[in-house]
């Protein structure tokens, strides 16, 4: 028989017991951690795209098509990071308006 450990320390004869969650996080804290991880990953992708664009420009060898393609990649990555930053600002502003989600600020 498998028994799970109980998070409570109530005596068997108690009429009421404080049952608290074994998890020590709240939804705003969890959301904030998810946003931080997301921003970190997006930042890494942005840096990789910038480096790739730079390498493409350097190794283009005077080819106008290759330089244009690298510039498109660079422009797209800059636009993408701007959109992500603005979306994060909007989400955090909305989170600050919702009661109980002040942890997103």
PDB file of N, CA and C in Angstrom:
ATOM      1  N   UNK A   1       0.843  -1.172   0.000  1.00  0.00           N
ATOM      2  CA  UNK A   1       0.000   0.000   0.000  1.00  0.00           C
ATOM      3  C   UNK A   1       0.893   1.242   0.000  1.00  0.00           C
ATOM      4  N   UNK A   2       0.558   2.197  -0.840  1.00  0.00           N
ATOM      5  CA  UNK A   2       1.325   3.440  -0.945  1.00  0.00           C
ATOM      6  C   UNK A   2       0.573   4.548  -0.226  1.00  0.00           C
ATOM      7  N   UNK A   3       1.236   5.220   0.671  1.00  0.00           N
ATOM      8  CA  UNK A   3       0.628   6.356   1.366  1.00  0.00           C
ATOM      9  C   UNK A   3       1.409   7.609   1.021  1.00  0.00           C
ATOM     10  N   UNK A   4       0.670   8.665   0.797  1.00  0.00           N
ATOM     11  CA  UNK A   4       1.280   9.953   0.505  1.00  0.00           C
ATOM     12  C   UNK A   4       1.422  10.752   1.782  1.00  0.00           C
ATOM     13  N   UNK A   5       2.491  11.490   1.871  1.00  0.00           N
ATOM     14  CA  UNK A   5       2.709  12.321   3.055  1.00  0.00           C
ATOM     15  C   UNK A   5       1.710  13.463   3.054  1.00  0.00           C
ATOM     16  N   UNK A   6       1.164  13.730   4.183  1.00  0.00           N
ATOM     17  CA  UNK A   6       0.192  14.806   4.310  1.00  0.00           C
ATOM     18  C   UNK A   6       0.912  16.103   4.629  1.00  0.00           C
ATOM     19  N   UNK A   7       0.393  17.220   4.075  1.00  0.00           N
ATOM     20  CA  UNK A   7       0.986  18.527   4.330  1.00  0.00           C
ATOM     21  C   UNK A   7       0.450  19.129   5.617  1.00  0.00           C
ATOM     22  N   UNK A   8      -0.453  18.432   6.281  1.00  0.00           N
ATOM     23  CA  UNK A   8      -1.046  18.959   7.503  1.00  0.00           C
ATOM     24  C   UNK A   8      -0.427  18.308   8.723  1.00  0.00           C
ATOM     25  N   UNK A   9      -0.498  19.009   9.827  1.00  0.00           N
ATOM     26  CA  UNK A   9      -0.003  18.460  11.087  1.00  0.00           C
ATOM     27  C   UNK A   9      -1.133  18.461  12.105  1.00  0.00           C
ATOM     28  N   UNK A  10      -2.305  18.066  11.691  1.00  0.00           N
ATOM     29  CA  UNK A  10      -3.478  18.079  12.558  1.00  0.00           C
ATOM     30  C   UNK A  10      -3.530  16.798  13.374  1.00  0.00           C
ATOM     31  N   UNK A  11      -3.839  16.951  14.635  1.00  0.00           N
ATOM     32  CA  UNK A  11      -4.038  15.739  15.440  1.00  0.00           C
ATOM     33  C   UNK A  11      -5.314  15.031  14.998  1.00  0.00           C
ATOM     34  N   UNK A  12      -5.370  13.740  15.157  1.00  0.00           N
ATOM     35  CA  UNK A  12      -6.537  12.992  14.685  1.00  0.00           C
ATOM     36  C   UNK A  12      -7.824  13.377  15.412  1.00  0.00           C
ATOM     37  N   UNK A  13      -7.736  13.970  16.564  1.00  0.00           N
ATOM     38  CA  UNK A  13      -8.942  14.327  17.313  1.00  0.00           C
ATOM     39  C   UNK A  13      -9.358  15.778  17.097  1.00  0.00           C
ATOM     40  N   UNK A  14      -8.680  16.521  16.224  1.00  0.00           N
ATOM     41  CA  UNK A  14      -8.991  17.937  16.021  1.00  0.00           C
ATOM     42  C   UNK A  14     -10.309  18.091  15.280  1.00  0.00           C
ATOM     43  N   UNK A  15     -11.067  19.125  15.636  1.00  0.00           N
ATOM     44  CA  UNK A  15     -12.344  19.383  14.963  1.00  0.00           C
ATOM     45  C   UNK A  15     -12.150  20.235  13.718  1.00  0.00           C
ATOM     46  N   UNK A  16     -11.105  21.028  13.677  1.00  0.00           N
ATOM     47  CA  UNK A  16     -10.803  21.801  12.472  1.00  0.00           C
ATOM     48  C   UNK A  16      -9.288  21.773  12.269  1.00  0.00           C
ATOM     49  N   UNK A  17      -8.897  21.948  11.038  1.00  0.00           N
ATOM     50  CA  UNK A  17      -7.490  21.835  10.715  1.00  0.00           C
ATOM     51  C   UNK A  17      -7.158  22.824   9.617  1.00  0.00           C
ATOM     52  N   UNK A  18      -5.968  23.423   9.712  1.00  0.00           N
ATOM     53  CA  UNK A  18      -5.514  24.342   8.679  1.00  0.00           C
ATOM     54  C   UNK A  18      -4.800  23.535   7.597  1.00  0.00           C
ATOM     55  N   UNK A  19      -5.474  23.399   6.477  1.00  0.00           N
ATOM     56  CA  UNK A  19      -4.884  22.667   5.360  1.00  0.00           C
ATOM     57  C   UNK A  19      -4.312  23.701   4.404  1.00  0.00           C
ATOM     58  N   UNK A  20      -3.013  23.792   4.358  1.00  0.00           N
ATOM     59  CA  UNK A  20      -2.369  24.747   3.471  1.00  0.00           C
ATOM     60  C   UNK A  20      -1.747  24.003   2.294  1.00  0.00           C
ATOM     61  N   UNK A  21      -1.611  24.724   1.226  1.00  0.00           N
ATOM     62  CA  UNK A  21      -1.044  24.142   0.021  1.00  0.00           C
ATOM     63  C   UNK A  21       0.453  23.900   0.217  1.00  0.00           C
ATOM     64  N   UNK A  22       0.958  22.758  -0.243  1.00  0.00           N
ATOM     65  CA  UNK A  22       2.399  22.518  -0.136  1.00  0.00           C
ATOM     66  C   UNK A  22       3.205  23.350  -1.127  1.00  0.00           C
ATOM     67  N   UNK A  23       2.519  23.951  -2.103  1.00  0.00           N
ATOM     68  CA  UNK A  23       3.195  24.759  -3.104  1.00  0.00           C
ATOM     69  C   UNK A  23       3.381  26.168  -2.572  1.00  0.00           C
ATOM     70  N   UNK A  24       4.559  26.713  -2.739  1.00  0.00           N
ATOM     71  CA  UNK A  24       4.881  28.031  -2.209  1.00  0.00           C
ATOM     72  C   UNK A  24       4.969  29.077  -3.314  1.00  0.00           C
ATOM     73  N   UNK A  25       4.008  29.100  -4.203  1.00  0.00           N
ATOM     74  CA  UNK A  25       3.990  30.117  -5.242  1.00  0.00           C
ATOM     75  C   UNK A  25       2.565  30.599  -5.442  1.00  0.00           C
ATOM     76  N   UNK A  26       2.463  31.772  -6.011  1.00  0.00           N
ATOM     77  CA  UNK A  26       1.155  32.294  -6.353  1.00  0.00           C
ATOM     78  C   UNK A  26       1.082  32.435  -7.872  1.00  0.00           C
ATOM     79  N   UNK A  27      -0.095  32.636  -8.371  1.00  0.00           N
ATOM     80  CA  UNK A  27      -0.266  32.754  -9.818  1.00  0.00           C
ATOM     81  C   UNK A  27       0.498  33.957 -10.374  1.00  0.00           C
ATOM     82  N   UNK A  28       0.450  35.137  -9.744  1.00  0.00           N
ATOM     83  CA  UNK A  28       1.248  36.249 -10.276  1.00  0.00           C
ATOM     84  C   UNK A  28       2.750  35.960 -10.285  1.00  0.00           C
ATOM     85  N   UNK A  29       3.238  35.283  -9.254  1.00  0.00           N
ATOM     86  CA  UNK A  29       4.665  34.953  -9.214  1.00  0.00           C
ATOM     87  C   UNK A  29       5.018  33.981 -10.327  1.00  0.00           C
ATOM     88  N   UNK A  30       4.177  32.982 -10.531  1.00  0.00           N
ATOM     89  CA  UNK A  30       4.398  32.016 -11.598  1.00  0.00           C
ATOM     90  C   UNK A  30       4.358  32.700 -12.961  1.00  0.00           C
ATOM     91  N   UNK A  31       3.378  33.583 -13.177  1.00  0.00           N
ATOM     92  CA  UNK A  31       3.280  34.302 -14.443  1.00  0.00           C
ATOM     93  C   UNK A  31       4.507  35.166 -14.671  1.00  0.00           C
ATOM     94  N   UNK A  32       4.987  35.811 -13.626  1.00  0.00           N
ATOM     95  CA  UNK A  32       6.178  36.646 -13.740  1.00  0.00           C
ATOM     96  C   UNK A  32       7.400  35.809 -14.113  1.00  0.00           C
ATOM     97  N   UNK A  33       7.526  34.624 -13.533  1.00  0.00           N
ATOM     98  CA  UNK A  33       8.645  33.743 -13.866  1.00  0.00           C
ATOM     99  C   UNK A  33       8.555  33.259 -15.309  1.00  0.00           C
ATOM    100  N   UNK A  34       7.335  32.954 -15.758  1.00  0.00           N
ATOM    101  CA  UNK A  34       7.143  32.521 -17.150  1.00  0.00           C
ATOM    102  C   UNK A  34       7.514  33.650 -18.105  1.00  0.00           C
ATOM    103  N   UNK A  35       7.097  34.888 -17.792  1.00  0.00           N
ATOM    104  CA  UNK A  35       7.460  36.031 -18.628  1.00  0.00           C
ATOM    105  C   UNK A  35       8.975  36.218 -18.664  1.00  0.00           C
ATOM    106  N   UNK A  36       9.635  36.083 -17.525  1.00  0.00           N
ATOM    107  CA  UNK A  36      11.086  36.252 -17.493  1.00  0.00           C
ATOM    108  C   UNK A  36      11.795  35.202 -18.342  1.00  0.00           C
ATOM    109  N   UNK A  37      11.336  33.957 -18.265  1.00  0.00           N
ATOM    110  CA  UNK A  37      11.923  32.898 -19.087  1.00  0.00           C
ATOM    111  C   UNK A  37      11.668  33.180 -20.563  1.00  0.00           C
ATOM    112  N   UNK A  38      10.451  33.613 -20.884  1.00  0.00           N
ATOM    113  CA  UNK A  38      10.100  33.929 -22.267  1.00  0.00           C
ATOM    114  C   UNK A  38      10.989  35.048 -22.803  1.00  0.00           C
ATOM    115  N   UNK A  39      11.168  36.112 -22.001  1.00  0.00           N
ATOM    116  CA  UNK A  39      12.023  37.220 -22.440  1.00  0.00           C
ATOM    117  C   UNK A  39      13.464  36.765 -22.631  1.00  0.00           C
ATOM    118  N   UNK A  40      13.947  35.901 -21.774  1.00  0.00           N
ATOM    119  CA  UNK A  40      15.300  35.393 -21.904  1.00  0.00           C
ATOM    120  C   UNK A  40      15.462  34.622 -23.218  1.00  0.00           C
ATOM    121  N   UNK A  41      14.517  33.731 -23.514  1.00  0.00           N
ATOM    122  CA  UNK A  41      14.591  32.929 -24.739  1.00  0.00           C
ATOM    123  C   UNK A  41      14.487  33.828 -25.968  1.00  0.00           C
ATOM    124  N   UNK A  42      13.563  34.782 -25.946  1.00  0.00           N
ATOM    125  CA  UNK A  42      13.413  35.694 -27.078  1.00  0.00           C
ATOM    126  C   UNK A  42      14.676  36.538 -27.256  1.00  0.00           C
ATOM    127  N   UNK A  43      15.273  36.959 -26.157  1.00  0.00           N
ATOM    128  CA  UNK A  43      16.516  37.717 -26.241  1.00  0.00           C
ATOM    129  C   UNK A  43      17.640  36.910 -26.862  1.00  0.00           C
ATOM    130  N   UNK A  44      17.738  35.633 -26.489  1.00  0.00           N
ATOM    131  CA  UNK A  44      18.753  34.767 -27.092  1.00  0.00           C
ATOM    132  C   UNK A  44      18.523  34.600 -28.592  1.00  0.00           C
ATOM    133  N   UNK A  45      17.266  34.385 -28.972  1.00  0.00           N
ATOM    134  CA  UNK A  45      16.944  34.245 -30.397  1.00  0.00           C
ATOM    135  C   UNK A  45      17.294  35.527 -31.142  1.00  0.00           C
ATOM    136  N   UNK A  46      16.985  36.681 -30.537  1.00  0.00           N
ATOM    137  CA  UNK A  46      17.289  37.970 -31.148  1.00  0.00           C
ATOM    138  C   UNK A  46      18.795  38.119 -31.360  1.00  0.00           C
ATOM    139  N   UNK A  47      19.586  37.780 -30.364  1.00  0.00           N
ATOM    140  CA  UNK A  47      21.044  37.891 -30.488  1.00  0.00           C
ATOM    141  C   UNK A  47      21.571  36.959 -31.578  1.00  0.00           C
ATOM    142  N   UNK A  48      21.049  35.740 -31.621  1.00  0.00           N
ATOM    143  CA  UNK A  48      21.479  34.785 -32.653  1.00  0.00           C
ATOM    144  C   UNK A  48      21.137  35.323 -34.043  1.00  0.00           C
ATOM    145  N   UNK A  49      19.938  35.884 -34.210  1.00  0.00           N
ATOM    146  CA  UNK A  49      19.559  36.429 -35.518  1.00  0.00           C
ATOM    147  C   UNK A  49      20.419  37.626 -35.910  1.00  0.00           C
ATOM    148  N   UNK A  50      20.782  38.461 -34.947  1.00  0.00           N
ATOM    149  CA  UNK A  50      21.663  39.600 -35.236  1.00  0.00           C
ATOM    150  C   UNK A  50      23.030  39.088 -35.701  1.00  0.00           C
ATOM    151  N   UNK A  51      23.565  38.085 -34.994  1.00  0.00           N
ATOM    152  CA  UNK A  51      24.866  37.532 -35.366  1.00  0.00           C
ATOM    153  C   UNK A  51      24.802  36.884 -36.742  1.00  0.00           C
ATOM    154  N   UNK A  52      23.745  36.119 -36.999  1.00  0.00           N
ATOM    155  CA  UNK A  52      23.594  35.477 -38.307  1.00  0.00           C
ATOM    156  C   UNK A  52      23.505  36.525 -39.410  1.00  0.00           C
ATOM    157  N   UNK A  53      22.754  37.594 -39.178  1.00  0.00           N
ATOM    158  CA  UNK A  53      22.637  38.658 -40.175  1.00  0.00           C
ATOM    159  C   UNK A  53      23.995  39.306 -40.432  1.00  0.00           C
ATOM    160  N   UNK A  54      24.734  39.553 -39.365  1.00  0.00           N
ATOM    161  CA  UNK A  54      26.064  40.143 -39.534  1.00  0.00           C
ATOM    162  C   UNK A  54      27.004  39.244 -40.311  1.00  0.00           C
ATOM    163  N   UNK A  55      26.963  37.953 -40.012  1.00  0.00           N
ATOM    164  CA  UNK A  55      27.815  37.005 -40.743  1.00  0.00           C
ATOM    165  C   UNK A  55      27.414  36.953 -42.211  1.00  0.00           C
ATOM    166  N   UNK A  56      26.113  36.976 -42.478  1.00  0.00           N
ATOM    167  CA  UNK A  56      25.655  36.966 -43.875  1.00  0.00           C
ATOM    168  C   UNK A  56      26.111  38.210 -44.620  1.00  0.00           C
ATOM    169  N   UNK A  57      26.073  39.359 -43.963  1.00  0.00           N
ATOM    170  CA  UNK A  57      26.511  40.605 -44.610  1.00  0.00           C
ATOM    171  C   UNK A  57      28.018  40.555 -44.872  1.00  0.00           C
ATOM    172  N   UNK A  58      28.774  40.069 -43.895  1.00  0.00           N
ATOM    173  CA  UNK A  58      30.225  40.011 -44.053  1.00  0.00           C
ATOM    174  C   UNK A  58      30.627  39.034 -45.152  1.00  0.00           C
ATOM    175  N   UNK A  59      29.935  37.902 -45.225  1.00  0.00           N
ATOM    176  CA  UNK A  59      30.304  36.864 -46.201  1.00  0.00           C
ATOM    177  C   UNK A  59      29.540  36.990 -47.520  1.00  0.00           C
ATOM    178  N   UNK A  60      28.848  38.091 -47.710  1.00  0.00           N
ATOM    179  CA  UNK A  60      28.062  38.256 -48.945  1.00  0.00           C
ATOM    180  C   UNK A  60      28.955  38.329 -50.174  1.00  0.00           C
ATOM    181  N   UNK A  61      30.156  38.802 -50.017  1.00  0.00           N
ATOM    182  CA  UNK A  61      31.082  38.850 -51.155  1.00  0.00           C
ATOM    183  C   UNK A  61      30.644  39.808 -52.237  1.00  0.00           C
ATOM    184  N   UNK A  62      29.981  40.871 -51.879  1.00  0.00           N
ATOM    185  CA  UNK A  62      29.543  41.863 -52.857  1.00  0.00           C
ATOM    186  C   UNK A  62      28.242  41.519 -53.557  1.00  0.00           C
ATOM    187  N   UNK A  63      27.629  40.405 -53.199  1.00  0.00           N
ATOM    188  CA  UNK A  63      26.361  40.012 -53.809  1.00  0.00           C
ATOM    189  C   UNK A  63      25.229  40.839 -53.209  1.00  0.00           C
ATOM    190  N   UNK A  64      24.587  41.622 -54.063  1.00  0.00           N
ATOM    191  CA  UNK A  64      23.506  42.486 -53.599  1.00  0.00           C
ATOM    192  C   UNK A  64      22.346  41.680 -53.041  1.00  0.00           C
ATOM    193  N   UNK A  65      22.054  40.523 -53.639  1.00  0.00           N
ATOM    194  CA  UNK A  65      20.944  39.694 -53.173  1.00  0.00           C
ATOM    195  C   UNK A  65      21.216  39.152 -51.759  1.00  0.00           C
ATOM    196  N   UNK A  66      22.440  38.737 -51.505  1.00  0.00           N
ATOM    197  CA  UNK A  66      22.789  38.194 -50.192  1.00  0.00           C
ATOM    198  C   UNK A  66      22.745  39.285 -49.124  1.00  0.00           C
ATOM    199  N   UNK A  67      23.209  40.488 -49.475  1.00  0.00           N
ATOM    200  CA  UNK A  67      23.166  41.605 -48.534  1.00  0.00           C
ATOM    201  C   UNK A  67      21.718  41.988 -48.245  1.00  0.00           C
ATOM    202  N   UNK A  68      20.890  42.017 -49.287  1.00  0.00           N
ATOM    203  CA  UNK A  68      19.471  42.344 -49.089  1.00  0.00           C
ATOM    204  C   UNK A  68      18.774  41.309 -48.212  1.00  0.00           C
ATOM    205  N   UNK A  69      19.100  40.046 -48.401  1.00  0.00           N
ATOM    206  CA  UNK A  69      18.518  38.983 -47.578  1.00  0.00           C
ATOM    207  C   UNK A  69      18.947  39.132 -46.113  1.00  0.00           C
ATOM    208  N   UNK A  70      20.210  39.458 -45.890  1.00  0.00           N
ATOM    209  CA  UNK A  70      20.701  39.655 -44.525  1.00  0.00           C
ATOM    210  C   UNK A  70      20.046  40.878 -43.892  1.00  0.00           C
ATOM    211  N   UNK A  71      19.857  41.922 -44.669  1.00  0.00           N
ATOM    212  CA  UNK A  71      19.189  43.120 -44.148  1.00  0.00           C
ATOM    213  C   UNK A  71      17.736  42.822 -43.793  1.00  0.00           C
ATOM    214  N   UNK A  72      17.080  41.988 -44.597  1.00  0.00           N
ATOM    215  CA  UNK A  72      15.700  41.598 -44.289  1.00  0.00           C
ATOM    216  C   UNK A  72      15.644  40.819 -42.973  1.00  0.00           C
ATOM    217  N   UNK A  73      16.598  39.919 -42.779  1.00  0.00           N
ATOM    218  CA  UNK A  73      16.653  39.161 -41.526  1.00  0.00           C
ATOM    219  C   UNK A  73      16.892  40.090 -40.345  1.00  0.00           C
ATOM    220  N   UNK A  74      17.795  41.034 -40.504  1.00  0.00           N
ATOM    221  CA  UNK A  74      18.092  41.993 -39.450  1.00  0.00           C
ATOM    222  C   UNK A  74      16.875  42.856 -39.131  1.00  0.00           C
ATOM    223  N   UNK A  75      16.221  43.367 -40.164  1.00  0.00           N
ATOM    224  CA  UNK A  75      15.034  44.197 -39.968  1.00  0.00           C
ATOM    225  C   UNK A  75      13.914  43.404 -39.305  1.00  0.00           C
ATOM    226  N   UNK A  76      13.696  42.175 -39.752  1.00  0.00           N
ATOM    227  CA  UNK A  76      12.646  41.341 -39.166  1.00  0.00           C
ATOM    228  C   UNK A  76      12.924  41.036 -37.699  1.00  0.00           C
ATOM    229  N   UNK A  77      14.178  40.791 -37.356  1.00  0.00           N
ATOM    230  CA  UNK A  77      14.492  40.491 -35.962  1.00  0.00           C
ATOM    231  C   UNK A  77      14.316  41.722 -35.082  1.00  0.00           C
ATOM    232  N   UNK A  78      14.662  42.890 -35.582  1.00  0.00           N
ATOM    233  CA  UNK A  78      14.467  44.122 -34.802  1.00  0.00           C
ATOM    234  C   UNK A  78      12.979  44.405 -34.613  1.00  0.00           C
ATOM    235  N   UNK A  79      12.197  44.247 -35.676  1.00  0.00           N
ATOM    236  CA  UNK A  79      10.746  44.446 -35.559  1.00  0.00           C
ATOM    237  C   UNK A  79      10.155  43.432 -34.584  1.00  0.00           C
ATOM    238  N   UNK A  80      10.617  42.192 -34.646  1.00  0.00           N
ATOM    239  CA  UNK A  80      10.120  41.150 -33.748  1.00  0.00           C
ATOM    240  C   UNK A  80      10.414  41.453 -32.287  1.00  0.00           C
ATOM    241  N   UNK A  81      11.622  41.917 -31.974  1.00  0.00           N
ATOM    242  CA  UNK A  81      11.946  42.211 -30.579  1.00  0.00           C
ATOM    243  C   UNK A  81      11.161  43.415 -30.088  1.00  0.00           C
ATOM    244  N   UNK A  82      10.911  44.384 -30.965  1.00  0.00           N
ATOM    245  CA  UNK A  82      10.092  45.538 -30.575  1.00  0.00           C
ATOM    246  C   UNK A  82       8.667  45.089 -30.257  1.00  0.00           C
ATOM    247  N   UNK A  83       8.112  44.214 -31.080  1.00  0.00           N
ATOM    248  CA  UNK A  83       6.755  43.708 -30.842  1.00  0.00           C
ATOM    249  C   UNK A  83       6.686  42.942 -29.525  1.00  0.00           C
ATOM    250  N   UNK A  84       7.690  42.113 -29.247  1.00  0.00           N
ATOM    251  CA  UNK A  84       7.700  41.344 -27.999  1.00  0.00           C
ATOM    252  C   UNK A  84       7.792  42.272 -26.789  1.00  0.00           C
ATOM    253  N   UNK A  85       8.645  43.283 -26.874  1.00  0.00           N
ATOM    254  CA  UNK A  85       8.784  44.222 -25.764  1.00  0.00           C
ATOM    255  C   UNK A  85       7.483  44.983 -25.535  1.00  0.00           C
ATOM    256  N   UNK A  86       6.868  45.471 -26.604  1.00  0.00           N
ATOM    257  CA  UNK A  86       5.605  46.203 -26.457  1.00  0.00           C
ATOM    258  C   UNK A  86       4.490  45.298 -25.938  1.00  0.00           C
ATOM    259  N   UNK A  87       4.441  44.052 -26.394  1.00  0.00           N
ATOM    260  CA  UNK A  87       3.423  43.115 -25.892  1.00  0.00           C
ATOM    261  C   UNK A  87       3.626  42.859 -24.404  1.00  0.00           C
ATOM    262  N   UNK A  88       4.873  42.728 -23.980  1.00  0.00           N
ATOM    263  CA  UNK A  88       5.157  42.535 -22.560  1.00  0.00           C
ATOM    264  C   UNK A  88       4.733  43.727 -21.722  1.00  0.00           C
ATOM    265  N   UNK A  89       4.968  44.919 -22.252  1.00  0.00           N
ATOM    266  CA  UNK A  89       4.549  46.132 -21.536  1.00  0.00           C
ATOM    267  C   UNK A  89       3.035  46.171 -21.404  1.00  0.00           C
ATOM    268  N   UNK A  90       2.338  45.836 -22.475  1.00  0.00           N
ATOM    269  CA  UNK A  90       0.873  45.849 -22.447  1.00  0.00           C
ATOM    270  C   UNK A  90       0.349  44.813 -21.451  1.00  0.00           C
ATOM    271  N   UNK A  91       0.923  43.616 -21.465  1.00  0.00           N
ATOM    272  CA  UNK A  91       0.471  42.570 -20.538  1.00  0.00           C
ATOM    273  C   UNK A  91       0.715  42.993 -19.095  1.00  0.00           C
ATOM    274  N   UNK A  92       1.859  43.574 -18.823  1.00  0.00           N
ATOM    275  CA  UNK A  92       2.154  44.014 -17.456  1.00  0.00           C
ATOM    276  C   UNK A  92       1.251  45.172 -17.030  1.00  0.00           C
ATOM    277  N   UNK A  93       0.913  46.062 -17.958  1.00  0.00           N
ATOM    278  CA  UNK A  93      -0.011  47.142 -17.617  1.00  0.00           C
ATOM    279  C   UNK A  93      -1.402  46.602 -17.324  1.00  0.00           C
ATOM    280  N   UNK A  94      -1.860  45.667 -18.131  1.00  0.00           N
ATOM    281  CA  UNK A  94      -3.164  45.054 -17.884  1.00  0.00           C
ATOM    282  C   UNK A  94      -3.131  44.285 -16.571  1.00  0.00           C
ATOM    283  N   UNK A  95      -2.017  43.588 -16.301  1.00  0.00           N
ATOM    284  CA  UNK A  95      -1.879  42.851 -15.055  1.00  0.00           C
ATOM    285  C   UNK A  95      -1.893  43.750 -13.843  1.00  0.00           C
ATOM    286  N   UNK A  96      -1.430  44.990 -13.994  1.00  0.00           N
ATOM    287  CA  UNK A  96      -1.434  45.911 -12.853  1.00  0.00           C
ATOM    288  C   UNK A  96      -2.834  46.444 -12.567  1.00  0.00           C
ATOM    289  N   UNK A  97      -3.722  46.382 -13.537  1.00  0.00           N
ATOM    290  CA  UNK A  97      -5.093  46.857 -13.359  1.00  0.00           C
ATOM    291  C   UNK A  97      -5.963  45.779 -12.698  1.00  0.00           C
ATOM    292  N   UNK A  98      -5.689  44.511 -12.999  1.00  0.00           N
ATOM    293  CA  UNK A  98      -6.470  43.402 -12.456  1.00  0.00           C
ATOM    294  C   UNK A  98      -6.119  43.221 -10.979  1.00  0.00           C
ATOM    295  N   UNK A  99      -7.124  43.207 -10.104  1.00  0.00           N
ATOM    296  CA  UNK A  99      -6.846  43.017  -8.681  1.00  0.00           C
ATOM    297  C   UNK A  99      -6.167  41.671  -8.415  1.00  0.00           C
ATOM    298  N   UNK A 100      -5.160  41.694  -7.588  1.00  0.00           N
ATOM    299  CA  UNK A 100      -4.462  40.467  -7.237  1.00  0.00           C
ATOM    300  C   UNK A 100      -3.302  40.124  -8.130  1.00  0.00           C
ATOM    301  N   UNK A 101      -3.137  40.839  -9.204  1.00  0.00           N
ATOM    302  CA  UNK A 101      -2.029  40.549 -10.118  1.00  0.00           C
ATOM    303  C   UNK A 101      -0.976  41.648 -10.063  1.00  0.00           C
ATOM    304  N   UNK A 102      -0.789  42.239  -8.929  1.00  0.00           N
ATOM    305  CA  UNK A 102       0.211  43.288  -8.808  1.00  0.00           C
ATOM    306  C   UNK A 102       1.636  42.729  -8.880  1.00  0.00           C
ATOM    307  N   UNK A 103       1.774  41.425  -8.813  1.00  0.00           N
ATOM    308  CA  UNK A 103       3.088  40.800  -8.911  1.00  0.00           C
ATOM    309  C   UNK A 103       3.675  40.852 -10.311  1.00  0.00           C
ATOM    310  N   UNK A 104       2.869  41.224 -11.289  1.00  0.00           N
ATOM    311  CA  UNK A 104       3.367  41.304 -12.668  1.00  0.00           C
ATOM    312  C   UNK A 104       4.035  42.635 -12.963  1.00  0.00           C
ATOM    313  N   UNK A 105       3.995  43.555 -12.043  1.00  0.00           N
ATOM    314  CA  UNK A 105       4.586  44.870 -12.308  1.00  0.00           C
ATOM    315  C   UNK A 105       6.078  44.777 -12.140  1.00  0.00           C
TER     316      UNK A 105
END
